[in-house]
Amino acid sequence: MIIDPSVSAIVTGGASGLGEATVRALRAAGAQVAIFDLNPERGEALAAEIGALFCQVDVMSGQRSGAGPGQLRRRRRGEEDDLPQPGNR
């Protein structure tokens, strides 16, 4: 597979463990990466470190996981994120 700046990826669970390793590998290859994870501290820190985008998303909740792509679009446009966060139900 060719991974370059034309490739965009969403990595769920991307703020730690295998997800983080995947995020780092994709960014090292030049891909544009969005990190979807519950942990905002780790996710924001990783995103800032490697030049990715972070969205706090609960992929285990069907109701909340569908909000991830919309949140990502707003973040890419630099709009304020006003979506309820996981745990704020």
Protein backbone atom coordinates (compact mmCIF):
# COMPACT_ATOMS: atom_id res chain seq x y z
CA MET A 1 0.00 0.00 0.00
CA ILE A 2 1.26 3.47 -0.84
CA ILE A 3 0.88 5.92 2.03
CA ASP A 4 1.59 9.56 1.25
CA PRO A 5 0.08 13.02 1.94
CA SER A 6 -2.91 12.21 -0.30
CA VAL A 7 -4.00 9.52 2.18
CA SER A 8 -6.30 10.39 5.09
CA ALA A 9 -6.89 8.00 7.99
CA ILE A 10 -9.04 7.84 11.10
CA VAL A 11 -7.51 5.72 13.87
CA THR A 12 -9.90 4.70 16.63
CA GLY A 13 -8.21 4.16 19.97
CA GLY A 14 -5.33 6.16 18.53
CA ALA A 15 -4.14 7.86 21.71
CA SER A 16 -2.35 4.85 23.20
CA GLY A 17 -1.04 1.36 22.58
CA LEU A 18 -1.33 -0.15 19.11
CA GLY A 19 -3.54 2.72 17.99
CA GLU A 20 -0.85 5.24 18.90
CA ALA A 21 1.78 3.16 17.09
CA THR A 22 -0.46 3.11 14.01
CA VAL A 23 -0.97 6.88 14.18
CA ARG A 24 2.77 7.46 14.44
CA ALA A 25 3.53 5.10 11.52
CA LEU A 26 0.92 6.73 9.29
CA ARG A 27 2.16 10.25 10.08
CA ALA A 28 5.78 9.18 9.54
CA ALA A 29 4.73 8.00 6.06
CA GLY A 30 3.07 11.37 5.40
CA ALA A 31 -0.62 10.50 5.80
CA GLN A 32 -3.10 12.96 7.26
CA VAL A 33 -4.38 11.40 10.49
CA ALA A 34 -7.36 11.93 12.79
CA ILE A 35 -7.14 10.35 16.23
CA PHE A 36 -10.49 9.19 17.66
CA ASP A 37 -10.19 8.32 21.35
CA LEU A 38 -11.85 8.87 24.72
CA ASN A 39 -8.74 10.30 26.40
CA PRO A 40 -8.45 14.01 25.58
CA GLU A 41 -5.18 14.56 27.45
CA ARG A 42 -3.25 11.88 25.58
CA GLY A 43 -5.06 12.49 22.30
CA GLU A 44 -4.48 16.25 22.21
CA ALA A 45 -0.84 15.85 23.29
CA LEU A 46 -0.15 13.25 20.60
CA ALA A 47 -1.94 15.27 17.93
CA ALA A 48 0.08 18.38 18.80
CA GLU A 49 3.33 16.40 18.83
CA ILE A 50 2.92 14.81 15.40
CA GLY A 51 0.63 17.23 13.54
CA ALA A 52 -2.58 15.22 13.60
CA LEU A 53 -6.16 16.09 14.57
CA PHE A 54 -7.81 14.75 17.73
CA CYS A 55 -11.53 14.15 18.28
CA GLN A 56 -12.90 12.80 21.55
CA VAL A 57 -15.15 9.99 20.37
CA ASP A 58 -16.70 6.96 22.06
CA VAL A 59 -16.80 4.37 19.27
CA MET A 60 -18.54 1.88 21.58
CA SER A 61 -21.59 4.13 21.72
CA GLY A 62 -23.50 4.03 18.46
CA GLN A 63 -25.12 7.32 19.33
CA ARG A 64 -21.81 9.09 19.99
CA SER A 65 -19.60 7.36 17.39
CA GLY A 66 -21.64 8.86 14.56
CA ALA A 67 -20.69 12.33 15.78
CA GLY A 68 -16.99 11.73 15.10
CA PRO A 69 -16.94 12.57 11.37
CA GLY A 70 -18.88 15.80 11.91
CA GLN A 71 -16.56 16.78 14.74
CA LEU A 72 -13.59 16.06 12.46
CA ARG A 73 -15.00 18.26 9.68
CA ARG A 74 -15.48 21.15 12.11
CA ARG A 75 -11.96 20.74 13.52
CA ARG A 76 -10.45 20.73 10.02
CA ARG A 77 -12.28 23.97 9.25
CA GLY A 78 -11.11 25.47 12.56
CA GLU A 79 -14.64 25.74 13.94
CA GLU A 80 -15.37 25.47 17.65
CA ASP A 81 -16.47 22.01 18.74
CA ASP A 82 -19.73 22.25 20.64
CA LEU A 83 -20.72 18.60 20.66
CA PRO A 84 -21.45 16.89 23.96
CA GLN A 85 -18.46 14.79 25.00
CA PRO A 86 -18.57 11.17 26.15
CA GLY A 87 -19.63 11.03 29.77
CA ASN A 88 -21.69 14.26 29.45
CA ARG A 89 -24.91 12.50 28.51
